[in-house]
Protein backbone atom coordinates (compact mmCIF):
# COMPACT_ATOMS: atom_id res chain seq x y z
CA MET A 1 -6.54 -18.75 -9.64
CA ASP A 2 -5.08 -20.65 -13.30
CA GLN A 3 -8.88 -20.36 -14.40
CA THR A 4 -8.20 -16.69 -14.85
CA ALA A 5 -4.95 -16.15 -15.99
CA PRO A 6 -6.05 -16.78 -19.83
CA ALA A 7 -8.37 -14.00 -19.35
CA ARG A 8 -6.10 -11.67 -17.78
CA GLN A 9 -3.71 -12.52 -20.63
CA THR A 10 -6.42 -12.36 -23.48
CA SER A 11 -7.22 -8.63 -22.28
CA ALA A 12 -3.86 -7.67 -22.25
CA GLN A 13 -3.77 -5.60 -26.20
CA PRO A 14 -5.85 -2.47 -25.15
CA GLU A 15 -4.27 -0.69 -28.52
CA GLN A 16 -3.40 -2.75 -31.02
CA GLY A 17 -1.67 -1.15 -34.07
CA ARG A 18 -2.99 2.43 -32.79
CA PHE A 19 -0.45 3.80 -30.65
CA PRO A 20 2.86 2.38 -29.82
CA THR A 21 2.88 0.50 -26.17
CA ALA A 22 4.77 2.12 -23.69
CA TYR A 23 7.79 -0.57 -24.34
CA THR A 24 8.23 0.90 -27.49
CA ILE A 25 8.16 4.68 -26.05
CA LEU A 26 9.90 4.16 -23.55
CA PHE A 27 13.03 2.39 -25.98
CA GLY A 28 12.51 5.33 -28.39
CA LEU A 29 13.28 8.12 -25.79
CA ILE A 30 16.70 6.00 -25.00
CA VAL A 31 17.43 6.46 -28.56
CA LEU A 32 16.71 9.65 -29.12
CA MET A 33 18.92 10.48 -26.16
CA ALA A 34 21.79 8.57 -27.41
CA ALA A 35 21.58 10.03 -30.26
CA LEU A 36 21.72 13.69 -28.47
CA THR A 37 24.74 12.92 -27.06
CA TRP A 38 25.92 12.77 -30.39
CA LEU A 39 25.03 16.15 -30.87
CA ILE A 40 24.63 18.28 -27.35
CA PRO A 41 28.44 19.34 -25.91
CA ALA A 42 29.37 16.78 -23.46
CA GLY A 43 30.03 18.78 -19.84
CA GLU A 44 29.79 19.00 -16.03
CA TYR A 45 30.22 20.86 -13.09
CA ASP A 46 32.79 20.50 -10.16
CA ARG A 47 30.82 19.12 -7.31
CA VAL A 48 31.66 19.15 -3.49
CA THR A 49 30.59 16.87 -0.52
CA ASN A 50 27.26 18.25 0.92
CA ASP A 51 27.69 16.47 4.64
CA ALA A 52 23.63 17.59 5.31
CA LEU A 53 22.23 16.30 2.10
CA GLY A 54 24.55 13.38 2.26
CA ARG A 55 25.77 13.63 -1.23
CA GLU A 56 27.43 15.63 -3.88
CA VAL A 57 25.98 18.82 -5.14
CA PRO A 58 27.26 20.85 -8.28
CA VAL A 59 28.90 24.02 -7.46
CA PRO A 60 27.85 27.12 -9.34
CA GLY A 61 29.37 29.06 -12.16
CA SER A 62 32.23 25.75 -12.55
CA TYR A 63 30.74 24.87 -15.63
CA GLN A 64 33.34 23.71 -18.01
CA PRO A 65 33.00 21.53 -21.59
CA VAL A 66 34.72 18.28 -20.60
CA GLU A 67 35.59 15.36 -23.52
CA ALA A 68 32.00 14.11 -25.22
CA ALA A 69 31.09 10.59 -24.53
CA PRO A 70 28.33 9.56 -27.13
CA GLN A 71 26.38 6.71 -26.47
CA THR A 72 26.57 3.54 -29.30
CA PRO A 73 23.79 1.20 -30.24
CA LEU A 74 25.31 -1.58 -27.77
CA ASP A 75 25.15 1.75 -24.84
CA VAL A 76 21.23 1.75 -26.18
CA LEU A 77 21.07 -1.91 -25.51
CA MET A 78 22.78 -2.18 -21.96
CA ALA A 79 20.95 1.13 -20.35
CA PRO A 80 17.90 -0.86 -20.20
CA VAL A 81 19.65 -3.54 -17.86
CA ALA A 82 21.74 -0.91 -16.31
CA GLY A 83 18.75 1.10 -15.40
CA PHE A 84 17.35 -2.00 -13.13
CA TYR A 85 20.49 -2.00 -10.47
CA ASP A 86 22.01 1.74 -11.48
CA PRO A 87 20.57 4.29 -9.30
CA GLY A 88 21.81 7.69 -10.44
CA SER A 89 20.18 10.05 -9.44
CA TYR A 90 16.81 7.85 -7.58
CA GLU A 91 16.64 6.71 -4.03
CA ALA A 92 16.36 3.12 -5.23
CA ASN A 93 17.29 0.91 -7.97
CA ALA A 94 14.61 0.27 -10.54
CA ILE A 95 15.35 -3.63 -9.49
CA ASP A 96 14.42 -2.67 -6.18
CA VAL A 97 11.09 -1.14 -7.01
CA SER A 98 10.67 -3.48 -9.64
CA LEU A 99 10.98 -6.71 -7.30
CA PHE A 100 8.13 -4.65 -4.71
CA VAL A 101 6.15 -4.98 -7.95
CA LEU A 102 6.52 -8.23 -8.44
CA ILE A 103 6.04 -8.92 -5.00
CA VAL A 104 2.59 -7.49 -4.66
CA GLY A 105 1.24 -9.25 -7.76
CA GLY A 106 2.10 -12.42 -5.55
CA PHE A 107 0.14 -11.17 -2.38
CA LEU A 108 -2.57 -9.73 -4.50
CA GLY A 109 -2.62 -13.44 -6.06
CA VAL A 110 -2.76 -15.28 -2.81
CA VAL A 111 -5.79 -12.95 -1.72
CA THR A 112 -7.36 -13.60 -4.80
CA ALA A 113 -7.34 -17.02 -4.69
CA THR A 114 -8.79 -17.04 -1.36
CA GLY A 115 -11.84 -15.66 -2.65
CA ALA A 116 -11.88 -12.85 0.26
CA ILE A 117 -11.29 -9.79 -2.61
CA ASP A 118 -14.14 -10.74 -4.80
CA THR A 119 -16.70 -11.58 -2.09
CA GLY A 120 -15.10 -8.29 0.00
CA VAL A 121 -16.11 -6.16 -3.59
CA ALA A 122 -19.30 -7.41 -3.66
CA GLN A 123 -20.37 -6.61 -0.39
CA ALA A 124 -18.79 -3.36 -0.52
CA MET A 125 -20.65 -2.49 -3.39
CA ARG A 126 -24.06 -3.39 -1.81
CA ARG A 127 -23.22 -1.50 1.19
CA LEU A 128 -22.47 1.33 -0.75
CA LYS A 129 -25.04 1.82 -3.52
CA GLY A 130 -26.25 5.42 -4.13
CA ARG A 131 -23.16 6.85 -1.86
CA GLU A 132 -19.81 5.16 -3.98
CA LYS A 133 -18.85 9.06 -5.71
CA TRP A 134 -17.95 10.36 -1.95
CA MET A 135 -15.12 7.25 -2.16
CA ILE A 136 -13.09 10.07 -4.55
CA PRO A 137 -12.65 12.54 -2.41
CA ILE A 138 -12.01 10.45 0.48
CA MET A 139 -9.55 8.33 -1.15
CA MET A 140 -8.01 11.18 -2.96
CA ALA A 141 -7.52 12.93 0.92
CA LEU A 142 -5.36 10.09 1.76
CA PHE A 143 -3.48 9.94 -0.97
CA ALA A 144 -2.50 13.32 -0.90
CA ALA A 145 -2.20 13.26 2.79
CA GLY A 146 0.83 10.97 1.58
CA GLY A 147 2.11 12.55 -1.38
CA THR A 148 2.65 15.99 1.04
CA THR A 149 3.90 14.64 3.90
CA TYR A 150 6.68 12.01 2.76
CA GLY A 151 6.61 11.74 -0.93
CA MET A 152 4.11 8.64 -1.81
CA ALA A 153 5.05 7.78 -5.31
CA GLU A 154 6.43 4.14 -5.53
CA GLU A 155 4.14 3.37 -2.86
CA THR A 156 0.93 3.26 -4.45
CA LEU A 157 1.71 0.76 -7.33
CA ALA A 158 0.24 -1.30 -4.37
CA PHE A 159 -3.21 -0.09 -3.87
CA TYR A 160 -3.93 -0.09 -7.95
CA LEU A 161 -5.02 -3.75 -7.54
CA LEU A 162 -7.19 -2.77 -4.78
CA LEU A 163 -8.55 0.25 -5.39
CA ILE A 164 -9.67 -0.63 -9.01
CA PRO A 165 -11.84 -3.34 -9.00
CA ILE A 166 -13.77 -1.23 -6.37
CA LEU A 167 -14.60 1.76 -8.32
CA ILE A 168 -15.08 -0.56 -11.67
CA ALA A 169 -17.84 -2.30 -9.55
CA ALA A 170 -19.17 0.81 -8.51
CA GLY A 171 -19.94 1.96 -12.31
CA TYR A 172 -16.62 3.97 -13.26
CA ASP A 173 -13.69 2.78 -15.15
CA ALA A 174 -10.17 1.61 -14.84
CA LEU A 175 -9.05 5.53 -15.57
CA THR A 176 -11.21 6.72 -12.88
CA GLY A 177 -9.10 4.34 -10.33
CA VAL A 178 -5.68 5.85 -11.92
CA ALA A 179 -6.47 9.10 -11.56
CA VAL A 180 -7.58 8.73 -7.94
CA ILE A 181 -4.37 7.25 -6.99
CA MET A 182 -2.03 9.05 -9.26
CA LEU A 183 -3.92 12.42 -9.10
CA GLY A 184 -4.53 12.27 -5.24
CA ALA A 185 -0.66 11.65 -4.23
CA GLY A 186 0.55 13.46 -7.14
CA VAL A 187 -1.05 16.54 -5.75
CA GLY A 188 -0.12 16.72 -2.05
CA VAL A 189 3.58 16.13 -4.06
CA ILE A 190 3.23 19.64 -5.61
CA GLY A 191 1.66 21.15 -2.52
CA SER A 192 4.81 19.14 -0.47
CA THR A 193 5.10 20.55 3.37
CA ILE A 194 7.03 18.44 4.91
CA ASN A 195 7.88 16.23 2.57
CA PRO A 196 11.30 14.85 3.03
CA PHE A 197 12.27 14.16 -0.71
CA SER A 198 11.43 17.62 -1.99
CA THR A 199 10.49 20.20 0.46
CA ALA A 200 13.11 19.49 2.38
CA ILE A 201 15.59 18.30 0.39
CA ALA A 202 15.43 21.58 -2.00
CA SER A 203 15.83 23.44 0.74
CA ASP A 204 18.70 22.76 2.25
CA ALA A 205 20.08 22.60 -1.14
CA ALA A 206 19.58 25.89 -1.22
CA GLY A 207 20.57 26.84 2.09
CA ILE A 208 17.15 27.39 3.75
CA ALA A 209 15.24 25.91 6.20
CA PHE A 210 12.32 24.04 4.81
CA THR A 211 9.43 25.28 7.00
CA GLU A 212 10.46 28.83 4.91
CA GLY A 213 7.20 29.51 2.68
CA MET A 214 5.38 26.71 4.31
CA ALA A 215 2.20 29.07 4.52
CA LEU A 216 2.19 29.52 0.40
CA ARG A 217 2.45 25.74 -0.22
CA PHE A 218 -0.70 24.81 2.08
CA VAL A 219 -2.38 27.03 -0.09
CA ILE A 220 -1.69 25.92 -2.87
CA LEU A 221 -1.95 21.81 -1.65
CA GLY A 222 -5.43 23.20 -0.93
CA LEU A 223 -6.66 24.37 -4.54
CA CYS A 224 -4.74 21.90 -6.39
CA TRP A 225 -6.31 19.18 -4.41
CA ILE A 226 -10.05 21.15 -4.54
CA THR A 227 -9.59 21.46 -8.71
CA ALA A 228 -7.93 17.94 -9.08
CA VAL A 229 -10.83 16.31 -7.27
CA VAL A 230 -14.19 18.20 -9.15
CA PHE A 231 -12.14 17.50 -12.11
CA VAL A 232 -11.94 13.22 -11.24
CA MET A 233 -15.48 13.57 -9.48
CA ARG A 234 -17.08 15.09 -13.24
CA TYR A 235 -15.14 12.68 -15.57
CA ALA A 236 -16.49 9.66 -12.72
CA GLU A 237 -20.35 11.03 -13.29
CA ARG A 238 -19.89 11.06 -17.15
CA VAL A 239 -19.33 7.56 -16.95
CA ARG A 240 -21.27 6.24 -14.60
CA LEU A 241 -23.90 8.03 -16.32
CA ASP A 242 -22.90 6.69 -19.99
CA PRO A 243 -20.22 4.31 -19.78
CA SER A 244 -19.24 5.25 -23.43
CA LYS A 245 -18.00 8.44 -22.18
CA SER A 246 -15.23 6.95 -21.13
CA LEU A 247 -11.98 7.13 -22.64
CA VAL A 248 -11.03 3.38 -21.92
CA ALA A 249 -14.70 2.53 -23.39
CA ASP A 250 -13.54 -0.10 -25.60
CA MET A 251 -11.56 -1.63 -23.13
CA LYS A 252 -15.16 -2.01 -20.34
CA GLU A 253 -15.14 -5.58 -21.22
CA ALA A 254 -11.81 -6.77 -21.19
CA ASN A 255 -11.21 -4.40 -18.03
CA GLU A 256 -13.81 -5.88 -16.01
CA ALA A 257 -12.53 -9.46 -16.77
CA HIS A 258 -9.19 -8.78 -15.55
CA PHE A 259 -9.74 -6.72 -12.40
CA LEU A 260 -13.64 -8.01 -10.98
CA GLN A 261 -13.55 -11.92 -12.26
CA GLY A 262 -16.99 -12.26 -11.56
CA SER A 263 -17.83 -9.95 -8.21
CA LYS A 264 -20.27 -7.50 -10.44
CA SER A 265 -22.81 -9.78 -9.99
CA PRO A 266 -22.54 -10.72 -6.03
CA GLY A 267 -25.97 -12.15 -5.87
CA ASP A 268 -26.39 -13.04 -2.15
CA ARG A 269 -22.46 -14.13 -0.98
CA SER A 270 -21.30 -13.33 2.36
CA LEU A 271 -18.17 -13.03 3.60
CA THR A 272 -17.20 -16.39 6.19
CA PRO A 273 -15.19 -15.32 9.26
CA MET A 274 -12.14 -16.59 7.41
CA GLN A 275 -12.40 -14.02 4.60
CA ALA A 276 -13.04 -11.65 6.62
CA LEU A 277 -10.09 -12.26 8.67
CA ILE A 278 -8.10 -12.25 5.81
CA LEU A 279 -9.21 -9.17 4.07
CA LEU A 280 -8.18 -7.70 7.94
CA LEU A 281 -4.68 -8.57 7.41
CA PHE A 282 -5.05 -7.91 3.38
CA ALA A 283 -5.72 -3.64 4.72
CA ALA A 284 -3.61 -4.09 7.97
CA THR A 285 -0.31 -4.88 5.87
CA PHE A 286 -0.74 -1.54 3.30
CA ALA A 287 -1.35 0.57 6.96
CA VAL A 288 1.36 -1.27 7.73
CA MET A 289 3.41 -0.15 4.78
CA VAL A 290 2.45 3.56 5.19
CA TRP A 291 3.51 3.28 8.65
CA GLY A 292 7.17 1.86 8.07
CA VAL A 293 7.84 4.22 4.99
CA ALA A 294 6.66 7.48 6.93
CA ALA A 295 8.03 6.58 10.39
CA GLN A 296 10.35 3.95 10.30
CA GLY A 297 12.46 4.71 7.34
CA TRP A 298 11.33 1.60 5.41
CA TRP A 299 12.19 1.66 1.61
CA MET A 300 11.85 -1.48 -1.05
CA ALA A 301 13.19 -3.73 0.75
CA GLU A 302 11.32 -3.79 4.13
CA MET A 303 8.35 -3.34 2.07
CA SER A 304 8.82 -6.60 -0.23
CA ALA A 305 9.42 -8.50 3.18
CA LEU A 306 6.37 -7.20 4.85
CA PHE A 307 4.24 -8.80 1.21
CA LEU A 308 6.27 -11.24 1.45
CA GLY A 309 5.64 -12.47 5.10
CA ALA A 310 1.73 -11.58 4.71
CA SER A 311 0.99 -13.60 1.83
CA ILE A 312 3.00 -16.46 3.28
CA LEU A 313 0.73 -15.73 6.69
CA ILE A 314 -2.73 -15.51 4.42
CA GLY A 315 -1.53 -18.34 2.69
CA VAL A 316 -1.52 -20.26 6.07
CA LEU A 317 -4.36 -19.17 7.44
CA ALA A 318 -6.96 -19.90 4.30
CA TRP A 319 -4.90 -23.37 4.20
CA LEU A 320 -4.19 -23.05 0.67
CA GLY A 321 -1.81 -25.64 0.65
CA GLU A 322 1.76 -26.08 -0.88
CA LYS A 323 1.15 -26.26 -4.72
CA GLN A 324 -2.12 -23.52 -4.49
CA PHE A 325 -0.08 -21.53 -2.68
CA THR A 326 2.82 -21.35 -5.08
CA ALA A 327 0.56 -21.10 -7.86
CA ALA A 328 -1.22 -18.51 -6.88
CA PHE A 329 1.66 -16.23 -5.92
CA VAL A 330 3.47 -17.02 -9.44
CA ALA A 331 0.69 -16.28 -11.35
CA GLY A 332 0.07 -13.25 -9.29
CA ALA A 333 3.52 -12.35 -9.67
CA ARG A 334 3.32 -13.07 -14.02
CA ASP A 335 0.38 -10.34 -14.41
CA LEU A 336 2.51 -7.41 -12.80
CA LEU A 337 5.95 -8.63 -14.64
CA GLY A 338 5.15 -6.37 -17.75
CA VAL A 339 5.20 -3.57 -14.60
CA ALA A 340 8.43 -4.66 -13.81
CA LEU A 341 10.05 -4.28 -17.45
CA VAL A 342 8.57 -1.02 -18.01
CA ILE A 343 10.52 0.57 -14.93
CA GLY A 344 13.96 -0.72 -16.04
CA LEU A 345 13.16 0.94 -19.07
CA ALA A 346 11.88 3.94 -18.08
CA ARG A 347 15.27 4.40 -15.95
CA GLY A 348 17.83 3.73 -18.86
CA ILE A 349 16.79 7.38 -20.58
CA VAL A 350 18.54 8.75 -17.39
CA ILE A 351 21.58 6.03 -17.96
CA ILE A 352 22.21 7.41 -21.00
CA MET A 353 22.24 10.95 -20.82
CA ASP A 354 24.53 10.79 -17.64
CA GLN A 355 26.96 8.31 -19.81
CA GLY A 356 26.47 11.14 -22.40
CA ARG A 357 27.46 13.64 -20.31
CA ILE A 358 24.37 15.79 -21.18
CA THR A 359 22.78 16.31 -18.10
CA ASP A 360 24.74 19.43 -16.72
CA THR A 361 24.94 20.76 -20.11
CA ILE A 362 20.89 20.63 -20.34
CA LEU A 363 21.20 22.47 -16.45
CA HIS A 364 23.68 24.71 -18.05
CA ALA A 365 21.49 26.37 -20.68
CA PHE A 366 18.42 26.58 -17.89
CA GLU A 367 20.64 28.58 -15.76
CA GLY A 368 21.70 30.79 -18.72
CA TRP A 369 18.31 31.05 -19.89
CA ILE A 370 16.79 32.40 -16.71
CA ALA A 371 19.21 34.70 -15.45
CA ASP A 372 19.17 38.59 -15.88
CA MET A 373 14.99 38.24 -15.64
CA SER A 374 12.57 40.44 -14.34
CA ASP A 375 11.26 38.89 -10.54
CA ILE A 376 7.95 37.51 -12.07
CA ALA A 377 9.12 36.68 -14.97
CA PHE A 378 12.03 34.83 -13.41
CA VAL A 379 9.58 32.79 -11.27
CA ASN A 380 7.73 31.71 -13.34
CA ALA A 381 10.52 30.98 -16.02
CA LEU A 382 12.49 28.94 -13.20
CA PHE A 383 8.95 27.04 -12.68
CA GLY A 384 9.11 26.25 -16.14
CA ALA A 385 12.90 25.34 -16.67
CA GLN A 386 12.36 22.77 -13.38
CA ALA A 387 9.32 21.28 -15.46
CA LEU A 388 11.56 20.42 -18.38
CA MET A 389 14.46 18.94 -16.31
CA SER A 390 11.98 17.08 -14.62
CA LEU A 391 10.98 14.85 -17.99
CA LEU A 392 14.91 14.15 -17.84
CA VAL A 393 15.09 13.90 -14.14
CA PRO A 394 11.86 12.71 -12.97
CA SER A 395 13.61 11.96 -9.33
CA THR A 396 12.53 14.98 -6.92
CA SER A 397 15.50 14.56 -4.98
CA GLY A 398 17.76 13.79 -7.24
CA LEU A 399 16.68 16.87 -9.54
CA ALA A 400 16.65 19.11 -6.17
CA VAL A 401 20.21 18.04 -5.91
CA LEU A 402 21.17 18.66 -9.37
CA SER A 403 19.54 21.86 -9.63
CA MET A 404 19.02 23.77 -6.79
CA PRO A 405 22.52 24.44 -5.46
CA ILE A 406 22.72 26.31 -9.29
CA LEU A 407 19.22 27.85 -9.44
CA ALA A 408 18.46 29.04 -6.34
CA PRO A 409 21.66 31.25 -5.98
CA LEU A 410 20.17 33.07 -9.39
CA SER A 411 16.77 33.93 -7.32
CA ASP A 412 19.48 36.24 -4.45
CA PHE A 413 20.45 38.28 -8.24
CA ALA A 414 16.88 38.48 -8.97
CA GLY A 415 15.04 39.88 -6.08
CA VAL A 416 13.35 36.49 -5.95
CA GLY A 417 13.23 34.74 -2.05
CA ARG A 418 14.20 31.37 -2.33
CA GLU A 419 11.64 29.68 -0.81
CA LEU A 420 9.62 30.55 -3.79
CA ALA A 421 13.08 29.10 -5.65
CA VAL A 422 12.33 25.74 -3.86
CA THR A 423 8.35 26.22 -3.93
CA ALA A 424 8.52 26.31 -8.15
CA PHE A 425 11.00 23.38 -8.18
CA GLN A 426 8.35 21.07 -5.98
CA THR A 427 5.36 22.33 -7.87
CA ALA A 428 6.85 22.21 -11.17
CA ILE A 429 8.34 18.58 -10.33
CA GLY A 430 5.10 17.55 -9.04
CA ILE A 431 3.08 18.51 -12.09
CA THR A 432 5.37 17.23 -14.91
CA ASN A 433 5.58 14.02 -13.00
CA LEU A 434 2.14 13.05 -13.92
CA VAL A 435 3.01 12.40 -16.95
CA ALA A 436 7.10 12.28 -17.46
CA PRO A 437 6.95 8.32 -19.77
CA THR A 438 10.81 8.56 -17.68
CA TYR A 439 8.92 8.33 -14.41
CA ALA A 440 8.00 4.86 -13.22
CA VAL A 441 5.29 5.38 -10.79
CA VAL A 442 3.70 7.13 -13.94
CA VAL A 443 4.58 4.34 -16.30
CA GLY A 444 4.26 1.44 -13.72
CA GLY A 445 0.80 2.79 -12.97
CA LEU A 446 -0.44 3.13 -15.83
CA ALA A 447 -0.05 -0.56 -16.59
CA ILE A 448 -1.02 -2.04 -13.98
CA GLY A 449 -4.35 0.00 -14.13
CA ARG A 450 -4.60 -0.76 -17.98
CA VAL A 451 -4.67 2.74 -19.10
CA PRO A 452 -2.93 3.15 -22.28
CA TYR A 453 -0.79 6.14 -22.25
CA ASN A 454 -1.97 8.71 -24.61
CA ARG A 455 -5.65 7.91 -22.83
CA TRP A 456 -3.99 9.34 -20.26
CA LEU A 457 -2.39 12.28 -21.55
CA ARG A 458 -6.19 13.13 -23.28
CA PHE A 459 -7.71 12.89 -20.07
CA VAL A 460 -5.01 15.01 -17.88
CA TRP A 461 -4.26 17.75 -19.86
CA PRO A 462 -6.60 20.45 -19.05
CA LEU A 463 -6.24 19.55 -15.34
CA LEU A 464 -2.10 19.60 -15.79
CA LEU A 465 -2.98 23.61 -17.54
CA MET A 466 -5.20 24.14 -14.48
CA LEU A 467 -2.98 23.25 -11.96
CA SER A 468 -0.05 25.49 -14.02
CA LEU A 469 -1.71 28.34 -13.91
CA ILE A 470 -3.24 28.11 -10.16
CA SER A 471 1.01 26.99 -9.46
CA MET A 472 2.38 29.96 -11.52
CA ALA A 473 -0.38 32.90 -10.60
CA LEU A 474 -0.08 32.06 -6.47
CA LEU A 475 4.21 32.15 -7.17
CA SER A 476 3.71 35.75 -8.97
CA LEU A 477 1.01 36.69 -6.31
CA ALA A 478 4.16 35.77 -3.60
CA VAL A 479 6.37 38.25 -5.62
CA ILE A 480 4.33 40.73 -5.52
CA LEU A 481 3.43 40.57 -1.69
């Protein structure tokens, strides 16, 4: 494990001199939002406790100016720190998510030290030879199922280091692995059906049952999934046939050294019984995580404990010894330290907005913008407004609680059903959260997958346009029908 650490470190500078790192981009956004608190008038809505949601929600028509709270350079420096432990409108503190990422890194470091992953990837490639492309739709369907049912998001961070090596060994690139996971879960969120963090909370905040509008959401889910799968498979096949077509072609050797660590040349290696047992426990850990989140209400603390316990169990079974075990765990966590720092920076942007009292002002501006429109214009303007607001408030439940009590009643005056307002909300935030630099899942996933943010934008923007057109067309058709 220690022998591979230098290779990982020396290959971690993908865009030297060409494009700012994620750290620079996010800190720049914190500075920009702090500057806006000096320019945008401060204001707030009155809030009341909604017993059904268990949260305070804004009262429509209650917006009023308040004393300005412009953010100072000290506030800018404090924002990334506060971003780690202030949940704001998120489901969890960033420190919870960051600790989860570090423990997953340690878990993967321990499993890698046993040699089970290297040998398993090599053996899987021998068996899948000629059929590798079918992993893409299968895996995207599984991630979409997680997205539509329980809003799979932060949980996906654990899968990047599992799936990317397999796809690279199959002749694809790291970007393909990122796309399978991020777009798979993302289209599930776009077409959320029973997602409690999106559909259920937004419907409750809008005063309707979450089952209203379900048929339309299934149609959106199906069409968006098909579109995303075709998009990713076409790109992946181009890369397999001609690696120079990869958007991260210049990072090919570095990424292979980082993710494969020798597994691309399998030789005649076979899994030992102990390695087979370790891989079984490896897969079972992820399965238990999904079960715990979906059925037992687990979140970051429970998932972190699961991976820590699995690390210890695997270390004991492989008889690594105390020193080798701790060295492997720490080295694995160190590989993902940058990801943990990025997550805190992303949360700092929202901290600055809330402390500067401009979040409600921005919401109020959108409220005035979409009022008094025709029905079709309204539902599409609502889609656009939610997409823009989700750049600033990327939490699905957080934005639902913040915006739906204000914007859903406006749909009554526009002659648009509130279920369409909810669908416009969830499709918009689902699409924006595939690129939002304020969203820890995006910046974290790209950091783990070693895909520069600008390369991801270049790759995904045509798909975002297609998904937006599909959503807007179906929303408009639903208004007419």
